Amino acid sequence: MSATGEASRQGRRRYGYLPHTIRQVPEAGIAYEAFCMTPECGAMSDGCDTVTEAEDWALKHTGRNPTHDLFRHVITSYSRVTREGR
């Protein structure tokens, strides 16, 4: 409240609900990646088309660097949000 006792109108927002749907976009594909978690390594696979390709990259990386044996895997898919009624 202001010094005069009136509520400030600044910053007020009015939100309404609009129904939306979210759907996976199969034609965008899915990307698989592997990241070496050995401190200060920073090596990562390129975006792979299959999980097997990402795993193969990790196996080869460990083959070249035997102490690098922990990996983080990321699977990326794509979605599209659309407002219903459009």
N, C-alpha and C. Protein backbone atom coordinates (compact mmCIF):
# COMPACT_ATOMS: atom_id res chain seq x y z
N MET A 1 0.84 -1.18 0.00
CA MET A 1 0.00 0.00 0.00
C MET A 1 0.88 1.24 0.00
N SER A 2 0.34 2.29 -0.59
CA SER A 2 1.07 3.55 -0.64
C SER A 2 0.88 4.30 0.67
N ALA A 3 1.57 5.43 0.79
CA ALA A 3 1.46 6.24 2.01
C ALA A 3 0.04 6.74 2.23
N THR A 4 -0.77 6.83 1.18
CA THR A 4 -2.15 7.32 1.34
C THR A 4 -3.12 6.19 1.62
N GLY A 5 -2.62 4.94 1.69
CA GLY A 5 -3.49 3.82 1.99
C GLY A 5 -4.10 3.17 0.76
N GLU A 6 -3.75 3.63 -0.43
CA GLU A 6 -4.29 3.03 -1.66
C GLU A 6 -3.35 1.94 -2.16
N ALA A 7 -3.93 0.87 -2.60
CA ALA A 7 -3.12 -0.20 -3.18
C ALA A 7 -2.56 0.26 -4.52
N SER A 8 -1.32 -0.02 -4.75
CA SER A 8 -0.68 0.36 -6.01
C SER A 8 -1.22 -0.50 -7.14
N ARG A 9 -1.55 0.11 -8.27
CA ARG A 9 -2.02 -0.63 -9.43
C ARG A 9 -0.84 -1.08 -10.31
N GLN A 10 0.31 -0.53 -10.05
CA GLN A 10 1.47 -0.89 -10.84
C GLN A 10 1.85 -2.35 -10.54
N GLY A 11 2.13 -3.10 -11.58
CA GLY A 11 2.56 -4.47 -11.41
C GLY A 11 1.43 -5.49 -11.39
N ARG A 12 0.19 -5.06 -11.41
CA ARG A 12 -0.92 -6.01 -11.43
C ARG A 12 -1.03 -6.64 -12.81
N ARG A 13 -1.29 -7.90 -12.83
CA ARG A 13 -1.43 -8.61 -14.09
C ARG A 13 -2.71 -9.44 -14.03
N ARG A 14 -3.29 -9.61 -15.18
CA ARG A 14 -4.47 -10.46 -15.28
C ARG A 14 -4.14 -11.59 -16.23
N TYR A 15 -4.29 -12.80 -15.77
CA TYR A 15 -3.99 -13.97 -16.58
C TYR A 15 -5.26 -14.76 -16.83
N GLY A 16 -5.36 -15.28 -18.02
CA GLY A 16 -6.48 -16.14 -18.36
C GLY A 16 -5.96 -17.50 -18.77
N TYR A 17 -6.76 -18.49 -18.65
CA TYR A 17 -6.38 -19.85 -19.02
C TYR A 17 -6.76 -20.09 -20.47
N LEU A 18 -5.80 -20.54 -21.23
CA LEU A 18 -6.02 -20.93 -22.62
C LEU A 18 -5.57 -22.37 -22.76
N PRO A 19 -6.45 -23.27 -23.19
CA PRO A 19 -6.05 -24.68 -23.30
C PRO A 19 -5.03 -24.89 -24.42
N HIS A 20 -4.01 -25.68 -24.10
CA HIS A 20 -2.95 -26.02 -25.04
C HIS A 20 -2.73 -27.52 -25.01
N THR A 21 -2.15 -28.02 -26.07
CA THR A 21 -1.70 -29.42 -26.10
C THR A 21 -0.23 -29.45 -26.48
N ILE A 22 0.44 -30.50 -26.02
CA ILE A 22 1.85 -30.68 -26.38
C ILE A 22 1.99 -32.08 -26.96
N ARG A 23 2.67 -32.14 -28.08
CA ARG A 23 2.86 -33.43 -28.77
C ARG A 23 4.30 -33.54 -29.26
N GLN A 24 4.81 -34.75 -29.18
CA GLN A 24 6.13 -35.00 -29.71
C GLN A 24 6.10 -34.83 -31.22
N VAL A 25 7.20 -34.34 -31.79
CA VAL A 25 7.32 -34.13 -33.23
C VAL A 25 8.26 -35.21 -33.78
N PRO A 26 7.70 -36.34 -34.22
CA PRO A 26 8.54 -37.46 -34.66
C PRO A 26 9.47 -37.11 -35.82
N GLU A 27 9.01 -36.26 -36.72
CA GLU A 27 9.85 -35.92 -37.88
C GLU A 27 11.09 -35.12 -37.50
N ALA A 28 11.11 -34.55 -36.28
CA ALA A 28 12.29 -33.82 -35.82
C ALA A 28 13.37 -34.77 -35.32
N GLY A 29 12.99 -36.01 -35.08
CA GLY A 29 13.97 -37.01 -34.64
C GLY A 29 14.26 -36.95 -33.16
N ILE A 30 15.17 -37.81 -32.75
CA ILE A 30 15.64 -37.87 -31.38
C ILE A 30 17.16 -37.88 -31.45
N ALA A 31 17.80 -37.11 -30.59
CA ALA A 31 19.26 -37.05 -30.57
C ALA A 31 19.76 -37.73 -29.29
N TYR A 32 20.80 -38.54 -29.43
CA TYR A 32 21.43 -39.23 -28.31
C TYR A 32 22.85 -38.70 -28.17
N GLU A 33 23.25 -38.39 -26.95
CA GLU A 33 24.59 -37.87 -26.71
C GLU A 33 25.19 -38.53 -25.48
N ALA A 34 26.52 -38.63 -25.46
CA ALA A 34 27.24 -39.14 -24.30
C ALA A 34 28.31 -38.11 -23.92
N PHE A 35 28.47 -37.90 -22.64
CA PHE A 35 29.44 -36.93 -22.11
C PHE A 35 30.35 -37.64 -21.12
N CYS A 36 31.65 -37.51 -21.30
CA CYS A 36 32.60 -38.08 -20.36
C CYS A 36 32.57 -37.25 -19.08
N MET A 37 32.42 -37.93 -17.94
CA MET A 37 32.32 -37.24 -16.66
C MET A 37 33.63 -37.21 -15.89
N THR A 38 34.71 -37.67 -16.52
CA THR A 38 36.02 -37.58 -15.88
C THR A 38 36.37 -36.11 -15.72
N PRO A 39 36.74 -35.68 -14.50
CA PRO A 39 37.04 -34.26 -14.29
C PRO A 39 38.05 -33.73 -15.31
N GLU A 40 37.76 -32.57 -15.81
CA GLU A 40 38.60 -31.83 -16.76
C GLU A 40 38.77 -32.51 -18.12
N CYS A 41 37.94 -33.51 -18.44
CA CYS A 41 38.02 -34.12 -19.78
C CYS A 41 37.19 -33.30 -20.76
N GLY A 42 35.88 -33.25 -20.52
CA GLY A 42 35.01 -32.46 -21.39
C GLY A 42 34.67 -33.08 -22.72
N ALA A 43 35.10 -34.32 -22.97
CA ALA A 43 34.79 -34.95 -24.26
C ALA A 43 33.31 -35.31 -24.33
N MET A 44 32.75 -35.20 -25.53
CA MET A 44 31.36 -35.57 -25.74
C MET A 44 31.18 -36.06 -27.16
N SER A 45 30.20 -36.93 -27.30
CA SER A 45 29.87 -37.41 -28.64
C SER A 45 29.14 -36.31 -29.39
N ASP A 46 29.10 -36.44 -30.69
CA ASP A 46 28.21 -35.58 -31.47
C ASP A 46 26.80 -36.10 -31.27
N GLY A 47 25.82 -35.36 -31.70
CA GLY A 47 24.45 -35.85 -31.64
C GLY A 47 24.35 -37.11 -32.50
N CYS A 48 23.93 -38.21 -31.89
CA CYS A 48 23.85 -39.49 -32.60
C CYS A 48 22.40 -39.81 -32.90
N ASP A 49 22.18 -40.59 -33.95
CA ASP A 49 20.83 -40.97 -34.33
C ASP A 49 20.27 -42.14 -33.53
N THR A 50 21.17 -42.92 -32.90
CA THR A 50 20.72 -44.05 -32.09
C THR A 50 21.48 -44.08 -30.78
N VAL A 51 20.89 -44.73 -29.79
CA VAL A 51 21.56 -44.88 -28.51
C VAL A 51 22.81 -45.74 -28.67
N THR A 52 22.78 -46.68 -29.58
CA THR A 52 23.94 -47.55 -29.82
C THR A 52 25.14 -46.74 -30.29
N GLU A 53 24.92 -45.74 -31.15
CA GLU A 53 26.02 -44.89 -31.62
C GLU A 53 26.65 -44.13 -30.45
N ALA A 54 25.83 -43.61 -29.55
CA ALA A 54 26.36 -42.88 -28.39
C ALA A 54 27.12 -43.82 -27.47
N GLU A 55 26.60 -45.02 -27.27
CA GLU A 55 27.29 -46.00 -26.44
C GLU A 55 28.60 -46.44 -27.07
N ASP A 56 28.61 -46.62 -28.39
CA ASP A 56 29.85 -46.98 -29.09
C ASP A 56 30.90 -45.89 -28.92
N TRP A 57 30.48 -44.64 -28.99
CA TRP A 57 31.42 -43.54 -28.78
C TRP A 57 32.02 -43.64 -27.38
N ALA A 58 31.19 -43.89 -26.36
CA ALA A 58 31.68 -44.00 -24.98
C ALA A 58 32.67 -45.16 -24.84
N LEU A 59 32.36 -46.29 -25.46
CA LEU A 59 33.26 -47.45 -25.40
C LEU A 59 34.62 -47.13 -26.05
N LYS A 60 34.58 -46.47 -27.20
CA LYS A 60 35.83 -46.09 -27.87
C LYS A 60 36.61 -45.08 -27.05
N HIS A 61 35.91 -44.13 -26.43
CA HIS A 61 36.58 -43.11 -25.61
C HIS A 61 37.29 -43.79 -24.43
N THR A 62 36.62 -44.73 -23.78
CA THR A 62 37.26 -45.45 -22.68
C THR A 62 38.42 -46.31 -23.19
N GLY A 63 38.27 -46.86 -24.39
CA GLY A 63 39.37 -47.63 -24.97
C GLY A 63 40.63 -46.80 -25.16
N ARG A 64 40.45 -45.53 -25.54
CA ARG A 64 41.59 -44.62 -25.72
C ARG A 64 42.05 -44.02 -24.41
N ASN A 65 41.15 -43.96 -23.41
CA ASN A 65 41.42 -43.33 -22.11
C ASN A 65 40.89 -44.26 -21.01
N PRO A 66 41.64 -45.29 -20.62
CA PRO A 66 41.13 -46.32 -19.73
C PRO A 66 40.58 -45.84 -18.39
N THR A 67 41.02 -44.69 -17.90
CA THR A 67 40.49 -44.20 -16.62
C THR A 67 39.20 -43.42 -16.78
N HIS A 68 38.78 -43.18 -18.00
CA HIS A 68 37.53 -42.45 -18.27
C HIS A 68 36.40 -43.46 -18.41
N ASP A 69 35.73 -43.73 -17.29
CA ASP A 69 34.76 -44.83 -17.29
C ASP A 69 33.36 -44.43 -16.82
N LEU A 70 33.12 -43.13 -16.66
CA LEU A 70 31.80 -42.67 -16.24
C LEU A 70 31.27 -41.68 -17.28
N PHE A 71 30.03 -41.92 -17.74
CA PHE A 71 29.44 -41.10 -18.79
C PHE A 71 28.04 -40.67 -18.41
N ARG A 72 27.66 -39.50 -18.87
CA ARG A 72 26.28 -39.01 -18.74
C ARG A 72 25.67 -39.10 -20.13
N HIS A 73 24.47 -39.66 -20.17
CA HIS A 73 23.77 -39.78 -21.45
C HIS A 73 22.57 -38.83 -21.48
N VAL A 74 22.40 -38.16 -22.61
CA VAL A 74 21.28 -37.24 -22.79
C VAL A 74 20.50 -37.68 -24.02
N ILE A 75 19.20 -37.79 -23.84
CA ILE A 75 18.31 -38.12 -24.96
C ILE A 75 17.41 -36.92 -25.17
N THR A 76 17.46 -36.34 -26.35
CA THR A 76 16.70 -35.13 -26.64
C THR A 76 15.61 -35.45 -27.66
N SER A 77 14.39 -35.11 -27.30
CA SER A 77 13.29 -35.22 -28.25
C SER A 77 12.66 -33.83 -28.37
N TYR A 78 11.84 -33.67 -29.37
CA TYR A 78 11.27 -32.35 -29.65
C TYR A 78 9.75 -32.42 -29.57
N SER A 79 9.17 -31.36 -29.05
CA SER A 79 7.72 -31.27 -28.89
C SER A 79 7.22 -29.95 -29.44
N ARG A 80 5.97 -29.94 -29.81
CA ARG A 80 5.33 -28.71 -30.27
C ARG A 80 4.09 -28.45 -29.42
N VAL A 81 3.98 -27.21 -28.94
CA VAL A 81 2.81 -26.78 -28.16
C VAL A 81 1.91 -25.99 -29.07
N THR A 82 0.63 -26.33 -29.10
CA THR A 82 -0.32 -25.58 -29.91
C THR A 82 -1.54 -25.22 -29.04
N ARG A 83 -2.06 -24.06 -29.32
CA ARG A 83 -3.26 -23.64 -28.63
C ARG A 83 -4.44 -24.37 -29.24
N GLU A 84 -5.27 -24.95 -28.41
CA GLU A 84 -6.43 -25.69 -28.91
C GLU A 84 -7.37 -24.77 -29.65
N GLY A 85 -7.98 -25.31 -30.69
CA GLY A 85 -8.91 -24.52 -31.49
C GLY A 85 -8.24 -23.84 -32.66
N ARG A 86 -6.96 -24.06 -32.84
CA ARG A 86 -6.24 -23.46 -33.97
C ARG A 86 -5.86 -24.49 -34.96
